[in-house]
Amino acid sequence: MKYRLLQILKETPETILTHNFWKIFPECKLMEEFQDIYTKDKATTKKKSSKIMWAIVLMIHPESMYYNIPDKDVQLIVTFIKDKTFSWDDYHSEVYSMKSILLTQAERSLVHWEETMKMRDKSLKTLYRETLKTKDVKLIKAMDDILGNNTKLYKEFNQITDLLKKEEGIEKTTKKDVFLGDEI
């Protein structure tokens, strides 16, 4: 599933929509986690549920063109799903399940870490503004130390990301060799 998906994620959102998710990944129709989305879509084309599944993938997968957009959840509703009544609140378990299926444990950990770092950045920015208003030198110094620690966390995050990419490169090479029938 992962390698089929990576090929599709290289395409534009418009092109992705031309692919019916359920035809490309028929195994997902059988998974309990996604049966509700599939069966609630009464249309024979399953276009609406396919669009929801693609939106979930585009939101969570690090290779997605939407992944680094800060408000990707809102952007996906507006530009991809195009349904004003749609709410991500109705799909928390499906999003969680898709993360479990598509991402390795290392990738899931990095995604969670990255999400936490983004929340931390947003909170620190607000807190720093408030701290500057107080003009308390000791408090400002403490905030500077916290911000310095944030930089260290990002460096560590980037080092682990680089290691994961190297491991993925090794894994792809190994799978390619097996696929081509080379002896290992």
N, C-alpha and C. Protein backbone atom coordinates (compact mmCIF):
# COMPACT_ATOMS: atom_id res chain seq x y z
N MET A 1 0.82 -1.19 0.00
CA MET A 1 0.00 0.00 0.00
C MET A 1 0.87 1.26 0.00
N LYS A 2 1.94 1.23 0.78
CA LYS A 2 2.78 2.40 0.94
C LYS A 2 3.40 2.84 -0.39
N TYR A 3 3.90 1.92 -1.17
CA TYR A 3 4.59 2.29 -2.40
C TYR A 3 3.61 2.76 -3.47
N ARG A 4 2.42 2.17 -3.52
CA ARG A 4 1.38 2.67 -4.44
C ARG A 4 1.02 4.10 -4.07
N LEU A 5 0.90 4.33 -2.78
CA LEU A 5 0.52 5.66 -2.29
C LEU A 5 1.58 6.70 -2.61
N LEU A 6 2.84 6.37 -2.40
CA LEU A 6 3.92 7.33 -2.65
C LEU A 6 3.94 7.78 -4.11
N GLN A 7 3.61 6.89 -5.03
CA GLN A 7 3.55 7.27 -6.44
C GLN A 7 2.44 8.28 -6.68
N ILE A 8 1.30 8.08 -6.06
CA ILE A 8 0.15 8.97 -6.25
C ILE A 8 0.38 10.32 -5.58
N LEU A 9 1.05 10.34 -4.43
CA LEU A 9 1.28 11.59 -3.71
C LEU A 9 2.17 12.56 -4.49
N LYS A 10 2.84 12.08 -5.51
CA LYS A 10 3.66 12.96 -6.35
C LYS A 10 2.79 13.76 -7.32
N GLU A 11 1.53 13.40 -7.44
CA GLU A 11 0.62 14.05 -8.39
C GLU A 11 -0.03 15.29 -7.76
N THR A 12 -0.67 16.09 -8.59
CA THR A 12 -1.38 17.28 -8.10
C THR A 12 -2.69 16.84 -7.44
N PRO A 13 -3.27 17.70 -6.58
CA PRO A 13 -4.55 17.34 -5.95
C PRO A 13 -5.65 17.03 -6.98
N GLU A 14 -5.67 17.77 -8.06
CA GLU A 14 -6.68 17.53 -9.10
C GLU A 14 -6.52 16.14 -9.70
N THR A 15 -5.29 15.75 -9.92
CA THR A 15 -5.03 14.43 -10.49
C THR A 15 -5.35 13.33 -9.47
N ILE A 16 -5.02 13.58 -8.22
CA ILE A 16 -5.33 12.59 -7.18
C ILE A 16 -6.82 12.31 -7.15
N LEU A 17 -7.62 13.35 -7.31
CA LEU A 17 -9.08 13.17 -7.29
C LEU A 17 -9.61 12.31 -8.43
N THR A 18 -8.82 12.18 -9.50
CA THR A 18 -9.28 11.33 -10.60
C THR A 18 -9.14 9.84 -10.26
N HIS A 19 -8.39 9.55 -9.20
CA HIS A 19 -8.22 8.17 -8.75
C HIS A 19 -9.25 7.87 -7.66
N ASN A 20 -9.99 6.81 -7.84
CA ASN A 20 -10.91 6.41 -6.77
C ASN A 20 -10.10 5.65 -5.72
N PHE A 21 -10.08 6.18 -4.51
CA PHE A 21 -9.31 5.60 -3.42
C PHE A 21 -9.63 4.12 -3.25
N TRP A 22 -10.91 3.77 -3.31
CA TRP A 22 -11.36 2.40 -3.03
C TRP A 22 -10.92 1.42 -4.12
N LYS A 23 -10.73 1.90 -5.35
CA LYS A 23 -10.26 1.03 -6.42
C LYS A 23 -8.75 0.79 -6.32
N ILE A 24 -8.03 1.82 -5.88
CA ILE A 24 -6.59 1.68 -5.75
C ILE A 24 -6.21 0.90 -4.49
N PHE A 25 -6.98 1.09 -3.44
CA PHE A 25 -6.73 0.41 -2.17
C PHE A 25 -7.97 -0.36 -1.72
N PRO A 26 -8.38 -1.39 -2.48
CA PRO A 26 -9.61 -2.13 -2.14
C PRO A 26 -9.54 -2.80 -0.77
N GLU A 27 -8.33 -3.05 -0.28
CA GLU A 27 -8.18 -3.67 1.04
C GLU A 27 -8.76 -2.80 2.14
N CYS A 28 -8.79 -1.49 1.91
CA CYS A 28 -9.33 -0.57 2.93
C CYS A 28 -10.84 -0.73 3.10
N LYS A 29 -11.52 -1.19 2.06
CA LYS A 29 -12.97 -1.42 2.17
C LYS A 29 -13.26 -2.50 3.21
N LEU A 30 -12.33 -3.42 3.38
CA LEU A 30 -12.52 -4.53 4.29
C LEU A 30 -12.09 -4.23 5.71
N MET A 31 -11.36 -3.14 5.88
CA MET A 31 -10.86 -2.78 7.21
C MET A 31 -11.98 -2.13 8.02
N GLU A 32 -12.18 -2.64 9.20
CA GLU A 32 -13.24 -2.15 10.07
C GLU A 32 -13.17 -0.64 10.28
N GLU A 33 -11.95 -0.11 10.34
CA GLU A 33 -11.75 1.31 10.60
C GLU A 33 -12.39 2.21 9.54
N PHE A 34 -12.50 1.71 8.30
CA PHE A 34 -12.96 2.54 7.20
C PHE A 34 -14.30 2.09 6.61
N GLN A 35 -14.84 1.00 7.10
CA GLN A 35 -16.10 0.49 6.56
C GLN A 35 -17.24 1.49 6.70
N ASP A 36 -17.25 2.24 7.79
CA ASP A 36 -18.31 3.21 8.02
C ASP A 36 -18.31 4.29 6.94
N ILE A 37 -17.14 4.81 6.61
CA ILE A 37 -17.03 5.84 5.56
C ILE A 37 -17.51 5.25 4.23
N TYR A 38 -17.08 4.04 3.95
CA TYR A 38 -17.42 3.40 2.68
C TYR A 38 -18.92 3.11 2.57
N THR A 39 -19.49 2.52 3.59
CA THR A 39 -20.90 2.13 3.51
C THR A 39 -21.87 3.31 3.59
N LYS A 40 -21.49 4.39 4.25
CA LYS A 40 -22.37 5.57 4.32
C LYS A 40 -22.47 6.29 2.99
N ASP A 41 -21.51 6.10 2.13
CA ASP A 41 -21.53 6.70 0.79
C ASP A 41 -22.38 5.78 -0.09
N LYS A 42 -23.60 6.19 -0.33
CA LYS A 42 -24.56 5.35 -1.08
C LYS A 42 -24.38 5.42 -2.59
N ALA A 43 -23.61 6.34 -3.08
CA ALA A 43 -23.38 6.45 -4.52
C ALA A 43 -22.57 5.26 -5.02
N THR A 44 -22.86 4.81 -6.21
CA THR A 44 -22.13 3.67 -6.76
C THR A 44 -20.67 4.03 -7.05
N THR A 45 -20.40 5.30 -7.33
CA THR A 45 -19.04 5.72 -7.63
C THR A 45 -18.18 5.86 -6.37
N LYS A 46 -18.84 6.04 -5.22
CA LYS A 46 -18.14 6.23 -3.92
C LYS A 46 -17.20 7.42 -3.99
N LYS A 47 -17.55 8.42 -4.80
CA LYS A 47 -16.70 9.58 -5.01
C LYS A 47 -16.51 10.41 -3.73
N LYS A 48 -17.58 10.62 -2.97
CA LYS A 48 -17.49 11.43 -1.76
C LYS A 48 -16.59 10.76 -0.72
N SER A 49 -16.79 9.48 -0.49
CA SER A 49 -15.97 8.78 0.51
C SER A 49 -14.52 8.65 0.03
N SER A 50 -14.33 8.50 -1.27
CA SER A 50 -12.98 8.45 -1.82
C SER A 50 -12.26 9.77 -1.56
N LYS A 51 -12.96 10.88 -1.75
CA LYS A 51 -12.39 12.20 -1.52
C LYS A 51 -12.00 12.37 -0.04
N ILE A 52 -12.84 11.87 0.87
CA ILE A 52 -12.53 11.95 2.30
C ILE A 52 -11.28 11.14 2.62
N MET A 53 -11.19 9.96 2.07
CA MET A 53 -10.01 9.12 2.32
C MET A 53 -8.74 9.78 1.78
N TRP A 54 -8.83 10.35 0.59
CA TRP A 54 -7.67 11.05 0.04
C TRP A 54 -7.29 12.24 0.93
N ALA A 55 -8.29 12.96 1.43
CA ALA A 55 -8.02 14.11 2.30
C ALA A 55 -7.31 13.66 3.57
N ILE A 56 -7.73 12.53 4.12
CA ILE A 56 -7.06 12.00 5.33
C ILE A 56 -5.59 11.71 5.01
N VAL A 57 -5.35 11.05 3.90
CA VAL A 57 -3.98 10.72 3.50
C VAL A 57 -3.17 12.00 3.28
N LEU A 58 -3.74 12.97 2.58
CA LEU A 58 -3.03 14.21 2.30
C LEU A 58 -2.72 14.99 3.58
N MET A 59 -3.57 14.85 4.58
CA MET A 59 -3.35 15.56 5.84
C MET A 59 -2.25 14.93 6.67
N ILE A 60 -2.16 13.61 6.68
CA ILE A 60 -1.25 12.94 7.62
C ILE A 60 0.09 12.51 7.03
N HIS A 61 0.16 12.32 5.74
CA HIS A 61 1.38 11.73 5.19
C HIS A 61 2.47 12.78 4.95
N PRO A 62 3.66 12.56 5.49
CA PRO A 62 4.76 13.52 5.34
C PRO A 62 5.16 13.81 3.89
N GLU A 63 4.82 12.93 2.96
CA GLU A 63 5.15 13.15 1.54
C GLU A 63 4.08 13.96 0.82
N SER A 64 3.02 14.30 1.51
CA SER A 64 1.91 15.04 0.91
C SER A 64 2.26 16.50 0.70
N MET A 65 1.72 17.09 -0.36
CA MET A 65 1.96 18.51 -0.63
C MET A 65 1.25 19.39 0.41
N TYR A 66 0.30 18.85 1.16
CA TYR A 66 -0.41 19.60 2.20
C TYR A 66 0.26 19.49 3.57
N TYR A 67 1.14 18.55 3.73
CA TYR A 67 1.65 18.20 5.05
C TYR A 67 2.22 19.38 5.84
N ASN A 68 2.97 20.26 5.20
CA ASN A 68 3.62 21.36 5.90
C ASN A 68 2.79 22.64 5.96
N ILE A 69 1.59 22.62 5.44
CA ILE A 69 0.73 23.79 5.52
C ILE A 69 0.19 23.88 6.96
N PRO A 70 0.40 25.02 7.63
CA PRO A 70 0.00 25.12 9.04
C PRO A 70 -1.47 24.79 9.31
N ASP A 71 -2.37 25.27 8.48
CA ASP A 71 -3.80 24.99 8.70
C ASP A 71 -4.32 24.00 7.64
N LYS A 72 -3.54 22.95 7.44
CA LYS A 72 -3.86 21.99 6.37
C LYS A 72 -5.25 21.39 6.52
N ASP A 73 -5.72 21.20 7.75
CA ASP A 73 -7.04 20.63 7.95
C ASP A 73 -8.12 21.54 7.35
N VAL A 74 -7.99 22.83 7.57
CA VAL A 74 -8.94 23.80 7.01
C VAL A 74 -8.77 23.89 5.50
N GLN A 75 -7.52 23.95 5.05
CA GLN A 75 -7.24 24.06 3.61
C GLN A 75 -7.80 22.86 2.84
N LEU A 76 -7.69 21.69 3.42
CA LEU A 76 -8.21 20.49 2.74
C LEU A 76 -9.73 20.53 2.62
N ILE A 77 -10.40 21.06 3.62
CA ILE A 77 -11.86 21.18 3.54
C ILE A 77 -12.24 22.17 2.43
N VAL A 78 -11.56 23.31 2.40
CA VAL A 78 -11.90 24.38 1.46
C VAL A 78 -11.51 24.03 0.03
N THR A 79 -10.29 23.53 -0.18
CA THR A 79 -9.79 23.36 -1.54
C THR A 79 -9.92 21.95 -2.10
N PHE A 80 -10.08 20.97 -1.23
CA PHE A 80 -10.08 19.59 -1.70
C PHE A 80 -11.46 18.93 -1.53
N ILE A 81 -11.97 18.94 -0.31
CA ILE A 81 -13.26 18.31 -0.04
C ILE A 81 -14.40 19.17 -0.58
N LYS A 82 -14.29 20.47 -0.39
CA LYS A 82 -15.26 21.44 -0.90
C LYS A 82 -16.68 21.14 -0.42
N ASP A 83 -16.80 20.90 0.88
CA ASP A 83 -18.10 20.63 1.50
C ASP A 83 -18.15 21.43 2.80
N LYS A 84 -18.98 22.47 2.85
CA LYS A 84 -19.05 23.35 4.02
C LYS A 84 -19.57 22.65 5.26
N THR A 85 -20.23 21.52 5.10
CA THR A 85 -20.76 20.80 6.27
C THR A 85 -19.75 19.79 6.83
N PHE A 86 -18.65 19.59 6.13
CA PHE A 86 -17.65 18.61 6.56
C PHE A 86 -16.95 19.08 7.83
N SER A 87 -16.72 18.12 8.75
CA SER A 87 -16.00 18.41 9.98
C SER A 87 -15.03 17.28 10.28
N TRP A 88 -13.77 17.62 10.55
CA TRP A 88 -12.77 16.61 10.90
C TRP A 88 -13.11 15.93 12.22
N ASP A 89 -13.92 16.58 13.04
CA ASP A 89 -14.30 15.99 14.33
C ASP A 89 -14.99 14.64 14.14
N ASP A 90 -15.62 14.45 13.00
CA ASP A 90 -16.32 13.19 12.72
C ASP A 90 -15.38 12.08 12.26
N TYR A 91 -14.10 12.40 12.07
CA TYR A 91 -13.18 11.43 11.49
C TYR A 91 -11.89 11.21 12.30
N HIS A 92 -11.92 11.51 13.58
CA HIS A 92 -10.72 11.34 14.41
C HIS A 92 -10.21 9.90 14.40
N SER A 93 -11.08 8.94 14.55
CA SER A 93 -10.62 7.55 14.61
C SER A 93 -10.08 7.07 13.27
N GLU A 94 -10.66 7.54 12.18
CA GLU A 94 -10.17 7.16 10.86
C GLU A 94 -8.79 7.77 10.59
N VAL A 95 -8.61 9.01 11.01
CA VAL A 95 -7.30 9.66 10.84
C VAL A 95 -6.25 8.90 11.64
N TYR A 96 -6.58 8.58 12.88
CA TYR A 96 -5.66 7.83 13.74
C TYR A 96 -5.33 6.47 13.12
N SER A 97 -6.35 5.78 12.62
CA SER A 97 -6.15 4.46 12.02
C SER A 97 -5.28 4.55 10.77
N MET A 98 -5.51 5.58 9.96
CA MET A 98 -4.73 5.73 8.74
C MET A 98 -3.26 5.98 9.09
N LYS A 99 -3.01 6.76 10.13
CA LYS A 99 -1.62 6.97 10.57
C LYS A 99 -0.99 5.64 10.95
N SER A 100 -1.74 4.81 11.65
CA SER A 100 -1.22 3.52 12.09
C SER A 100 -0.93 2.60 10.91
N ILE A 101 -1.73 2.70 9.87
CA ILE A 101 -1.59 1.81 8.71
C ILE A 101 -0.48 2.28 7.78
N LEU A 102 -0.44 3.57 7.48
CA LEU A 102 0.48 4.10 6.47
C LEU A 102 1.89 4.37 6.97
N LEU A 103 2.01 4.72 8.24
CA LEU A 103 3.30 5.15 8.74
C LEU A 103 3.93 4.08 9.62
N THR A 104 5.24 3.97 9.53
CA THR A 104 5.97 3.07 10.43
C THR A 104 5.96 3.69 11.82
N GLN A 105 6.36 2.92 12.81
CA GLN A 105 6.41 3.46 14.17
C GLN A 105 7.34 4.67 14.24
N ALA A 106 8.47 4.60 13.56
CA ALA A 106 9.41 5.72 13.55
C ALA A 106 8.76 6.95 12.90
N GLU A 107 8.07 6.77 11.79
CA GLU A 107 7.40 7.89 11.12
C GLU A 107 6.30 8.47 11.99
N ARG A 108 5.51 7.61 12.63
CA ARG A 108 4.45 8.09 13.53
C ARG A 108 5.04 8.91 14.67
N SER A 109 6.13 8.43 15.24
CA SER A 109 6.77 9.16 16.33
C SER A 109 7.26 10.52 15.86
N LEU A 110 7.85 10.57 14.68
CA LEU A 110 8.32 11.85 14.14
C LEU A 110 7.15 12.79 13.85
N VAL A 111 6.07 12.26 13.31
CA VAL A 111 4.89 13.08 13.02
C VAL A 111 4.33 13.66 14.32
N HIS A 112 4.22 12.82 15.35
CA HIS A 112 3.71 13.31 16.64
C HIS A 112 4.66 14.35 17.23
N TRP A 113 5.95 14.10 17.13
CA TRP A 113 6.94 15.04 17.64
C TRP A 113 6.82 16.37 16.90
N GLU A 114 6.71 16.29 15.59
CA GLU A 114 6.60 17.51 14.78
C GLU A 114 5.33 18.28 15.13
N GLU A 115 4.21 17.57 15.29
CA GLU A 115 2.96 18.23 15.67
C GLU A 115 3.11 18.92 17.02
N THR A 116 3.78 18.26 17.96
CA THR A 116 4.02 18.84 19.28
C THR A 116 4.91 20.06 19.18
N MET A 117 5.94 19.99 18.35
CA MET A 117 6.84 21.14 18.18
C MET A 117 6.10 22.34 17.58
N LYS A 118 5.20 22.09 16.65
CA LYS A 118 4.43 23.18 16.05
C LYS A 118 3.52 23.82 17.10
N MET A 119 2.88 23.01 17.94
CA MET A 119 2.05 23.55 19.01
C MET A 119 2.91 24.36 19.98
N ARG A 120 4.08 23.83 20.28
CA ARG A 120 5.01 24.50 21.20
C ARG A 120 5.43 25.85 20.62
N ASP A 121 5.77 25.88 19.34
CA ASP A 121 6.16 27.13 18.69
C ASP A 121 5.06 28.19 18.80
N LYS A 122 3.86 27.76 18.50
CA LYS A 122 2.72 28.69 18.54
C LYS A 122 2.51 29.23 19.95
N SER A 123 2.58 28.35 20.94
CA SER A 123 2.39 28.77 22.33
C SER A 123 3.52 29.67 22.80
N LEU A 124 4.75 29.31 22.45
CA LEU A 124 5.91 30.12 22.86
C LEU A 124 5.86 31.52 22.25
N LYS A 125 5.40 31.59 21.03
CA LYS A 125 5.31 32.90 20.36
C LYS A 125 4.34 33.80 21.13
N THR A 126 3.20 33.27 21.48
CA THR A 126 2.20 34.03 22.24
C THR A 126 2.74 34.39 23.62
N LEU A 127 3.34 33.41 24.29
CA LEU A 127 3.89 33.64 25.62
C LEU A 127 5.01 34.68 25.60
N TYR A 128 5.84 34.64 24.58
CA TYR A 128 6.95 35.60 24.47
C TYR A 128 6.43 37.02 24.31
N ARG A 129 5.39 37.19 23.48
CA ARG A 129 4.78 38.51 23.31
C ARG A 129 4.29 39.05 24.66
N GLU A 130 3.60 38.16 25.40
CA GLU A 130 3.07 38.56 26.71
C GLU A 130 4.21 38.90 27.68
N THR A 131 5.27 38.12 27.62
CA THR A 131 6.41 38.36 28.50
C THR A 131 7.08 39.69 28.19
N LEU A 132 7.22 40.03 26.92
CA LEU A 132 7.83 41.30 26.54
C LEU A 132 7.01 42.49 27.06
N LYS A 133 5.71 42.33 27.10
CA LYS A 133 4.85 43.40 27.60
C LYS A 133 5.11 43.68 29.09
N THR A 134 5.50 42.65 29.85
CA THR A 134 5.75 42.82 31.28
C THR A 134 7.03 43.60 31.56
N LYS A 135 7.95 43.57 30.62
CA LYS A 135 9.25 44.24 30.74
C LYS A 135 10.05 43.74 31.95
N ASP A 136 9.74 42.52 32.36
CA ASP A 136 10.47 41.88 33.47
C ASP A 136 11.70 41.19 32.89
N VAL A 137 12.87 41.73 33.17
CA VAL A 137 14.12 41.26 32.58
C VAL A 137 14.37 39.79 32.90
N LYS A 138 14.13 39.36 34.13
CA LYS A 138 14.36 37.96 34.52
C LYS A 138 13.43 37.03 33.75
N LEU A 139 12.20 37.43 33.61
CA LEU A 139 11.22 36.62 32.88
C LEU A 139 11.57 36.56 31.39
N ILE A 140 12.01 37.67 30.84
CA ILE A 140 12.42 37.69 29.43
C ILE A 140 13.64 36.79 29.22
N LYS A 141 14.58 36.84 30.17
CA LYS A 141 15.77 35.98 30.09
C LYS A 141 15.36 34.50 30.13
N ALA A 142 14.41 34.16 31.02
CA ALA A 142 13.91 32.78 31.11
C ALA A 142 13.26 32.35 29.80
N MET A 143 12.51 33.26 29.18
CA MET A 143 11.87 32.94 27.90
C MET A 143 12.93 32.74 26.81
N ASP A 144 13.98 33.55 26.84
CA ASP A 144 15.06 33.38 25.87
C ASP A 144 15.71 32.01 26.02
N ASP A 145 15.88 31.56 27.25
CA ASP A 145 16.45 30.23 27.50
C ASP A 145 15.53 29.14 26.95
N ILE A 146 14.24 29.31 27.15
CA ILE A 146 13.26 28.33 26.64
C ILE A 146 13.32 28.30 25.11
N LEU A 147 13.38 29.47 24.50
CA LEU A 147 13.46 29.54 23.03
C LEU A 147 14.75 28.92 22.52
N GLY A 148 15.83 29.10 23.26
CA GLY A 148 17.10 28.46 22.89
C GLY A 148 16.99 26.95 22.94
N ASN A 149 16.27 26.45 23.93
CA ASN A 149 16.05 25.01 24.05
C ASN A 149 15.23 24.49 22.87
N ASN A 150 14.31 25.31 22.39
CA ASN A 150 13.47 24.94 21.26
C ASN A 150 14.33 24.69 20.02
N THR A 151 15.34 25.51 19.82
CA THR A 151 16.26 25.35 18.69
C THR A 151 16.99 24.01 18.79
N LYS A 152 17.42 23.66 19.99
CA LYS A 152 18.10 22.38 20.21
C LYS A 152 17.16 21.22 19.87
N LEU A 153 15.90 21.35 20.28
CA LEU A 153 14.93 20.29 19.98
C LEU A 153 14.74 20.12 18.47
N TYR A 154 14.70 21.22 17.74
CA TYR A 154 14.56 21.14 16.29
C TYR A 154 15.78 20.52 15.63
N LYS A 155 16.96 20.84 16.13
CA LYS A 155 18.19 20.23 15.59
C LYS A 155 18.15 18.72 15.79
N GLU A 156 17.74 18.30 17.00
CA GLU A 156 17.64 16.87 17.29
C GLU A 156 16.59 16.22 16.40
N PHE A 157 15.46 16.89 16.23
CA PHE A 157 14.40 16.39 15.36
C PHE A 157 14.91 16.21 13.93
N ASN A 158 15.63 17.21 13.42
CA ASN A 158 16.17 17.13 12.06
C ASN A 158 17.20 16.02 11.91
N GLN A 159 18.01 15.78 12.93
CA GLN A 159 18.99 14.68 12.88
C GLN A 159 18.27 13.34 12.80
N ILE A 160 17.23 13.17 13.57
CA ILE A 160 16.48 11.91 13.54
C ILE A 160 15.76 11.76 12.21
N THR A 161 15.23 12.85 11.68
CA THR A 161 14.57 12.81 10.37
C THR A 161 15.56 12.38 9.29
N ASP A 162 16.77 12.93 9.34
CA ASP A 162 17.80 12.56 8.36
C ASP A 162 18.15 11.07 8.47
N LEU A 163 18.26 10.56 9.70
CA LEU A 163 18.54 9.14 9.90
C LEU A 163 17.43 8.27 9.32
N LEU A 164 16.20 8.68 9.55
CA LEU A 164 15.06 7.92 9.03
C LEU A 164 15.08 7.91 7.50
N LYS A 165 15.40 9.04 6.89
CA LYS A 165 15.46 9.10 5.43
C LYS A 165 16.55 8.18 4.88
N LYS A 166 17.69 8.13 5.58
CA LYS A 166 18.77 7.23 5.17
C LYS A 166 18.31 5.78 5.27
N GLU A 167 17.61 5.44 6.37
CA GLU A 167 17.10 4.08 6.54
C GLU A 167 16.10 3.74 5.45
N GLU A 168 15.22 4.70 5.11
CA GLU A 168 14.25 4.45 4.04
C GLU A 168 14.94 4.22 2.72
N GLY A 169 16.00 4.94 2.45
CA GLY A 169 16.78 4.75 1.22
C GLY A 169 17.37 3.37 1.15
N ILE A 170 17.88 2.89 2.26
CA ILE A 170 18.44 1.53 2.32
C ILE A 170 17.34 0.51 2.11
N GLU A 171 16.18 0.72 2.75
CA GLU A 171 15.05 -0.21 2.62
C GLU A 171 14.56 -0.26 1.18
N LYS A 172 14.43 0.90 0.52
CA LYS A 172 13.97 0.94 -0.87
C LYS A 172 14.94 0.21 -1.78
N THR A 173 16.24 0.39 -1.56
CA THR A 173 17.25 -0.29 -2.37
C THR A 173 17.13 -1.80 -2.19
N THR A 174 16.97 -2.23 -0.96
CA THR A 174 16.83 -3.66 -0.67
C THR A 174 15.58 -4.23 -1.33
N LYS A 175 14.46 -3.54 -1.21
CA LYS A 175 13.21 -4.03 -1.82
C LYS A 175 13.32 -4.03 -3.34
N LYS A 176 14.00 -3.04 -3.90
CA LYS A 176 14.18 -2.96 -5.35
C LYS A 176 15.00 -4.19 -5.81
N ASP A 177 16.06 -4.51 -5.09
CA ASP A 177 16.87 -5.65 -5.46
C ASP A 177 16.06 -6.94 -5.43
N VAL A 178 15.24 -7.11 -4.40
CA VAL A 178 14.42 -8.30 -4.30
C VAL A 178 13.41 -8.34 -5.43
N PHE A 179 12.80 -7.19 -5.73
CA PHE A 179 11.81 -7.10 -6.77
C PHE A 179 12.39 -7.45 -8.13
N LEU A 180 13.63 -7.04 -8.35
CA LEU A 180 14.27 -7.32 -9.64
C LEU A 180 14.81 -8.75 -9.74
N GLY A 181 14.68 -9.47 -8.65
CA GLY A 181 15.09 -10.85 -8.66
C GLY A 181 16.56 -11.07 -8.38
N ASP A 182 17.27 -10.06 -7.95
CA ASP A 182 18.67 -10.21 -7.62
C ASP A 182 18.80 -11.10 -6.38
N GLU A 183 19.86 -11.83 -6.33
CA GLU A 183 20.11 -12.66 -5.16
C GLU A 183 20.64 -11.79 -4.02
N ILE A 184 20.19 -12.11 -2.83
CA ILE A 184 20.65 -11.36 -1.65
C ILE A 184 21.61 -12.21 -0.86
